[in-house]
Amino acid sequence: MDDANTEILFGIHPLYEALRANRRNIYEVYLAQDKTSARISALAAEAQSRGIPILNLKTSRLEALVKSGAHQGIAAKVSSYPLEPFIDIWQSTAGRKGKPFWLLLDNILDPQNLGAILRTALCVGVDAVVIPKDRSASPTPAVSKASAGALEHIRLTRVTNLVRTLRQLKENGMWIIGLDKKANQSVYTADLTGSIGLLLGGEQKGLRPLVKKHSDFLVSIPQLGPLDSLNASVAGAVVMYEVLRQRRTANS
């Protein structure tokens, strides 16, 4: 086992979902000696049934290992997050019945925001999430924790050039829809029922100009009140659920 290819996953939901998803190797599970619960015991029993070693550690040792106090009394040494090649995801989603729904992220730098976005993406049935190599938070254990373990199920790909990826998707029949608070068209009047790549930018800088330029059209979320904008994860959730609503209505 090469430590360079492992990381420490922490928290009840991330470990539970990692066991369910079965996409990572789990080498060891660590339990805090003075923090037990029915959920932790159930997780430990499941890991043990799979032949995974269980180690009991002092809480201070577990916190040092995790480098966070948010471990909830459990952590595990696991293989690195399984990013997938762009072409593999595209071929599997394009050839499947139904219209693909992809989420493309630009300038989402905060792990908490990324985690919250991924949690919603999993709930609405997003087929794939694309993040750029630069200008993005990475799929770390902190992101898995923030996503309540949704990261463990999401099909995530990281690309070197987001603009080139947008071109590829458009050439293959996908409509790229950018979320921009200054757009004239409301998300509630746009047609979101086709093959869609939803482009979401960060709170501070939004979408980069060149990335925005490659959108087929831009939409905004109607907003009242004095605040300048919504949190990126909240804005993303509003639009993702509107996509889901329109698709269900169209199919009913």
Protein backbone atom coordinates (compact mmCIF):
# COMPACT_ATOMS: atom_id res chain seq x y z
CA MET A 1 0.00 0.00 0.00
CA ASP A 2 1.55 3.28 -1.19
CA ASP A 3 0.66 6.11 1.20
CA ALA A 4 0.97 8.56 -1.69
CA ASN A 5 -2.14 6.94 -3.18
CA THR A 6 -4.17 6.86 0.02
CA GLU A 7 -6.03 9.40 2.11
CA ILE A 8 -7.90 9.54 5.40
CA LEU A 9 -11.66 9.60 4.92
CA PHE A 10 -13.53 10.77 8.02
CA GLY A 11 -17.07 11.04 9.32
CA ILE A 12 -19.99 8.63 9.53
CA HIS A 13 -21.69 9.47 6.22
CA PRO A 14 -18.53 9.46 4.05
CA LEU A 15 -17.43 6.08 5.36
CA TYR A 16 -20.94 4.62 5.13
CA GLU A 17 -21.30 5.80 1.51
CA ALA A 18 -17.77 4.63 0.62
CA LEU A 19 -18.72 1.16 1.82
CA ARG A 20 -21.99 1.30 -0.16
CA ALA A 21 -20.40 2.66 -3.35
CA ASN A 22 -17.56 0.13 -3.19
CA ARG A 23 -15.37 2.26 -5.45
CA ARG A 24 -12.44 2.66 -3.06
CA ASN A 25 -10.17 0.21 -1.33
CA ILE A 26 -10.58 0.55 2.44
CA TYR A 27 -7.42 -0.54 4.24
CA GLU A 28 -8.08 0.27 7.90
CA VAL A 29 -10.89 1.76 9.97
CA TYR A 30 -10.06 3.91 13.01
CA LEU A 31 -12.43 4.32 15.95
CA ALA A 32 -12.15 6.87 18.77
CA GLN A 33 -11.91 4.93 22.04
CA ASP A 34 -14.17 7.30 23.96
CA LYS A 35 -16.81 7.96 21.30
CA THR A 36 -19.19 5.15 20.40
CA SER A 37 -22.70 5.06 18.97
CA ALA A 38 -25.02 2.60 17.28
CA ARG A 39 -24.11 4.00 13.85
CA ILE A 40 -20.37 3.72 14.50
CA SER A 41 -20.78 0.17 15.80
CA ALA A 42 -22.78 -0.79 12.70
CA LEU A 43 -20.12 0.69 10.41
CA ALA A 44 -17.35 -1.11 12.28
CA ALA A 45 -19.26 -4.39 12.06
CA GLU A 46 -19.77 -3.95 8.30
CA ALA A 47 -16.08 -3.18 7.78
CA GLN A 48 -15.08 -6.15 9.93
CA SER A 49 -17.36 -8.45 7.90
CA ARG A 50 -15.36 -7.43 4.83
CA GLY A 51 -12.08 -8.28 6.50
CA ILE A 52 -11.05 -4.65 7.07
CA PRO A 53 -8.88 -4.19 10.20
CA ILE A 54 -10.39 -2.06 12.99
CA LEU A 55 -8.05 0.02 15.17
CA ASN A 56 -9.10 1.81 18.36
CA LEU A 57 -7.31 5.13 18.87
CA LYS A 58 -7.31 7.86 21.45
CA THR A 59 -9.37 10.82 20.28
CA SER A 60 -6.27 13.02 20.22
CA ARG A 61 -4.52 10.51 17.94
CA LEU A 62 -7.54 10.30 15.65
CA GLU A 63 -7.73 14.10 15.39
CA ALA A 64 -4.02 14.25 14.55
CA LEU A 65 -4.53 11.63 11.85
CA VAL A 66 -7.56 13.35 10.35
CA LYS A 67 -6.25 16.90 10.94
CA SER A 68 -9.79 17.89 11.91
CA GLY A 69 -12.12 17.64 14.87
CA ALA A 70 -15.05 16.81 12.59
CA HIS A 71 -14.35 13.07 12.44
CA GLN A 72 -17.46 12.02 14.47
CA GLY A 73 -15.40 9.28 16.09
CA ILE A 74 -14.57 7.33 12.94
CA ALA A 75 -12.13 7.50 10.03
CA ALA A 76 -10.50 5.15 7.54
CA LYS A 77 -7.40 4.86 5.38
CA VAL A 78 -8.72 4.53 1.82
CA SER A 79 -7.46 4.65 -1.75
CA SER A 80 -7.51 8.01 -3.49
CA TYR A 81 -10.77 9.29 -4.93
CA PRO A 82 -11.57 7.51 -8.24
CA LEU A 83 -11.71 10.29 -10.81
CA GLU A 84 -12.92 9.01 -14.19
CA PRO A 85 -11.62 9.88 -17.68
CA PHE A 86 -13.89 12.32 -19.51
CA ILE A 87 -14.25 10.06 -22.55
CA ASP A 88 -15.36 7.07 -20.44
CA ILE A 89 -18.15 9.03 -18.79
CA TRP A 90 -19.26 10.60 -22.06
CA GLN A 91 -19.48 7.29 -23.90
CA SER A 92 -21.46 5.64 -21.11
CA THR A 93 -23.94 8.51 -20.66
CA ALA A 94 -24.38 9.37 -24.34
CA GLY A 95 -25.21 5.78 -25.24
CA ARG A 96 -27.82 5.42 -22.53
CA LYS A 97 -31.54 5.98 -22.91
CA GLY A 98 -32.53 9.49 -21.84
CA LYS A 99 -30.94 12.90 -22.22
CA PRO A 100 -27.65 13.51 -20.41
CA PHE A 101 -27.51 16.06 -17.62
CA TRP A 102 -23.98 17.20 -16.81
CA LEU A 103 -22.76 19.78 -14.32
CA LEU A 104 -19.66 21.82 -15.18
CA LEU A 105 -18.02 23.86 -12.43
CA ASP A 106 -15.76 26.89 -12.82
CA ASN A 107 -14.13 28.79 -9.96
CA ILE A 108 -15.70 26.65 -7.22
CA LEU A 109 -12.77 26.93 -4.84
CA ASP A 110 -14.34 26.30 -1.45
CA PRO A 111 -14.53 22.60 -0.40
CA GLN A 112 -17.75 23.23 1.56
CA ASN A 113 -19.42 24.71 -1.51
CA LEU A 114 -18.19 21.89 -3.74
CA GLY A 115 -19.47 19.31 -1.26
CA ALA A 116 -22.89 20.93 -1.02
CA ILE A 117 -23.16 21.17 -4.82
CA LEU A 118 -22.27 17.50 -5.23
CA ARG A 119 -24.85 16.49 -2.64
CA THR A 120 -27.58 18.21 -4.66
CA ALA A 121 -26.19 16.87 -7.94
CA LEU A 122 -26.54 13.31 -6.68
CA CYS A 123 -30.08 13.95 -5.42
CA VAL A 124 -31.31 15.29 -8.79
CA GLY A 125 -29.64 12.58 -10.88
CA VAL A 126 -26.80 14.51 -12.53
CA ASP A 127 -24.94 12.07 -14.80
CA ALA A 128 -21.48 13.59 -14.44
CA VAL A 129 -19.65 16.50 -12.85
CA VAL A 130 -16.73 18.21 -14.55
CA ILE A 131 -14.14 20.27 -12.66
CA PRO A 132 -11.11 22.00 -14.16
CA LYS A 133 -7.61 21.03 -13.11
CA ASP A 134 -7.06 24.62 -11.99
CA ARG A 135 -9.55 26.99 -10.34
CA SER A 136 -11.36 24.27 -8.46
CA ALA A 137 -11.42 22.60 -5.09
CA SER A 138 -10.24 18.99 -5.32
CA PRO A 139 -12.33 15.94 -4.31
CA THR A 140 -10.73 15.63 -0.87
CA PRO A 141 -12.06 13.89 2.27
CA ALA A 142 -13.25 17.32 3.45
CA VAL A 143 -15.41 17.55 0.32
CA SER A 144 -16.78 14.06 0.94
CA LYS A 145 -17.67 15.13 4.48
CA ALA A 146 -19.34 18.34 3.25
CA SER A 147 -21.31 16.33 0.69
CA ALA A 148 -22.57 13.89 3.36
CA GLY A 149 -20.85 11.15 1.38
CA ALA A 150 -22.42 12.02 -1.99
CA LEU A 151 -18.92 12.38 -3.46
CA GLU A 152 -18.48 8.62 -3.08
CA HIS A 153 -21.21 7.99 -5.69
CA ILE A 154 -20.78 10.93 -8.08
CA ARG A 155 -19.08 10.37 -11.44
CA LEU A 156 -16.48 13.13 -11.40
CA THR A 157 -13.94 14.00 -14.06
CA ARG A 158 -11.18 16.61 -13.99
CA VAL A 159 -10.17 18.26 -17.25
CA THR A 160 -7.15 20.36 -18.18
CA ASN A 161 -9.05 22.75 -20.45
CA LEU A 162 -12.69 23.46 -19.57
CA VAL A 163 -13.32 25.47 -22.76
CA ARG A 164 -12.16 22.57 -24.93
CA THR A 165 -14.47 20.26 -22.97
CA LEU A 166 -17.40 22.62 -23.58
CA ARG A 167 -16.66 22.53 -27.31
CA GLN A 168 -16.60 18.73 -27.29
CA LEU A 169 -19.91 18.50 -25.51
CA LYS A 170 -21.54 21.01 -27.85
CA GLU A 171 -20.22 19.14 -30.90
CA ASN A 172 -21.95 16.06 -29.55
CA GLY A 173 -25.35 17.70 -29.23
CA MET A 174 -25.33 19.04 -25.69
CA TRP A 175 -26.69 22.50 -24.88
CA ILE A 176 -24.44 24.46 -22.52
CA ILE A 177 -26.42 26.68 -20.17
CA GLY A 178 -24.52 29.15 -18.01
CA LEU A 179 -25.82 30.57 -14.75
CA ASP A 180 -25.19 34.32 -14.61
CA LYS A 181 -26.97 36.73 -12.27
CA LYS A 182 -26.97 39.44 -14.98
CA ALA A 183 -28.65 37.26 -17.63
CA ASN A 184 -31.98 38.55 -18.93
CA GLN A 185 -33.60 35.13 -19.20
CA SER A 186 -34.97 33.57 -16.05
CA VAL A 187 -34.18 29.95 -15.30
CA TYR A 188 -37.95 29.44 -14.98
CA THR A 189 -38.67 30.45 -18.59
CA ALA A 190 -35.76 28.60 -20.21
CA ASP A 191 -36.24 25.16 -21.76
CA LEU A 192 -34.10 22.80 -19.68
CA THR A 193 -35.53 19.51 -20.92
CA GLY A 194 -32.89 18.59 -23.52
CA SER A 195 -29.35 17.26 -23.24
CA ILE A 196 -27.88 19.82 -20.87
CA GLY A 197 -24.51 20.88 -19.54
CA LEU A 198 -25.19 23.28 -16.67
CA LEU A 199 -22.30 25.68 -16.16
CA LEU A 200 -21.93 27.03 -12.63
CA GLY A 201 -19.37 29.58 -11.44
CA GLY A 202 -18.08 30.55 -8.00
CA GLU A 203 -19.51 33.23 -5.74
CA GLN A 204 -16.78 35.83 -6.05
CA LYS A 205 -15.79 35.76 -9.73
CA GLY A 206 -18.57 33.74 -11.31
CA LEU A 207 -17.82 32.23 -14.70
CA ARG A 208 -14.65 33.29 -16.45
CA PRO A 209 -15.40 35.40 -19.57
CA LEU A 210 -14.03 32.83 -22.03
CA VAL A 211 -15.97 30.03 -20.34
CA LYS A 212 -19.15 32.12 -20.31
CA LYS A 213 -18.66 32.90 -24.00
CA HIS A 214 -19.02 29.20 -24.82
CA SER A 215 -22.49 28.96 -23.28
CA ASP A 216 -25.34 28.53 -25.73
CA PHE A 217 -27.36 30.84 -23.50
CA LEU A 218 -27.31 32.29 -19.99
CA VAL A 219 -29.98 32.17 -17.31
CA SER A 220 -30.46 33.95 -14.01
CA ILE A 221 -32.40 33.31 -10.81
CA PRO A 222 -34.99 36.00 -9.97
CA GLN A 223 -34.01 37.69 -6.75
CA LEU A 224 -35.52 40.27 -4.40
CA GLY A 225 -33.90 42.01 -1.47
CA PRO A 226 -30.63 43.84 -0.91
CA LEU A 227 -28.11 40.98 -1.10
CA ASP A 228 -25.91 40.88 -4.17
CA SER A 229 -26.11 37.15 -4.93
CA LEU A 230 -26.95 33.69 -3.66
CA ASN A 231 -24.40 31.29 -2.28
CA ALA A 232 -23.00 29.20 -5.17
CA SER A 233 -24.29 25.91 -3.78
CA VAL A 234 -27.76 27.37 -3.18
CA ALA A 235 -27.90 28.88 -6.68
CA GLY A 236 -26.78 25.58 -8.15
CA ALA A 237 -29.46 23.72 -6.20
CA VAL A 238 -32.20 26.06 -7.45
CA VAL A 239 -31.25 25.49 -11.09
CA MET A 240 -30.60 21.75 -10.77
CA TYR A 241 -34.02 21.20 -9.23
CA GLU A 242 -35.63 23.30 -11.97
CA VAL A 243 -34.01 20.96 -14.52
CA LEU A 244 -35.44 17.99 -12.63
CA ARG A 245 -38.91 19.60 -12.38
CA GLN A 246 -39.06 20.38 -16.09
CA ARG A 247 -37.91 16.92 -17.10
CA ARG A 248 -40.47 15.22 -14.87
CA THR A 249 -43.23 17.49 -16.16
CA ALA A 250 -42.24 16.78 -19.78
CA ASN A 251 -42.32 13.03 -19.15
CA SER A 252 -45.58 12.95 -17.23
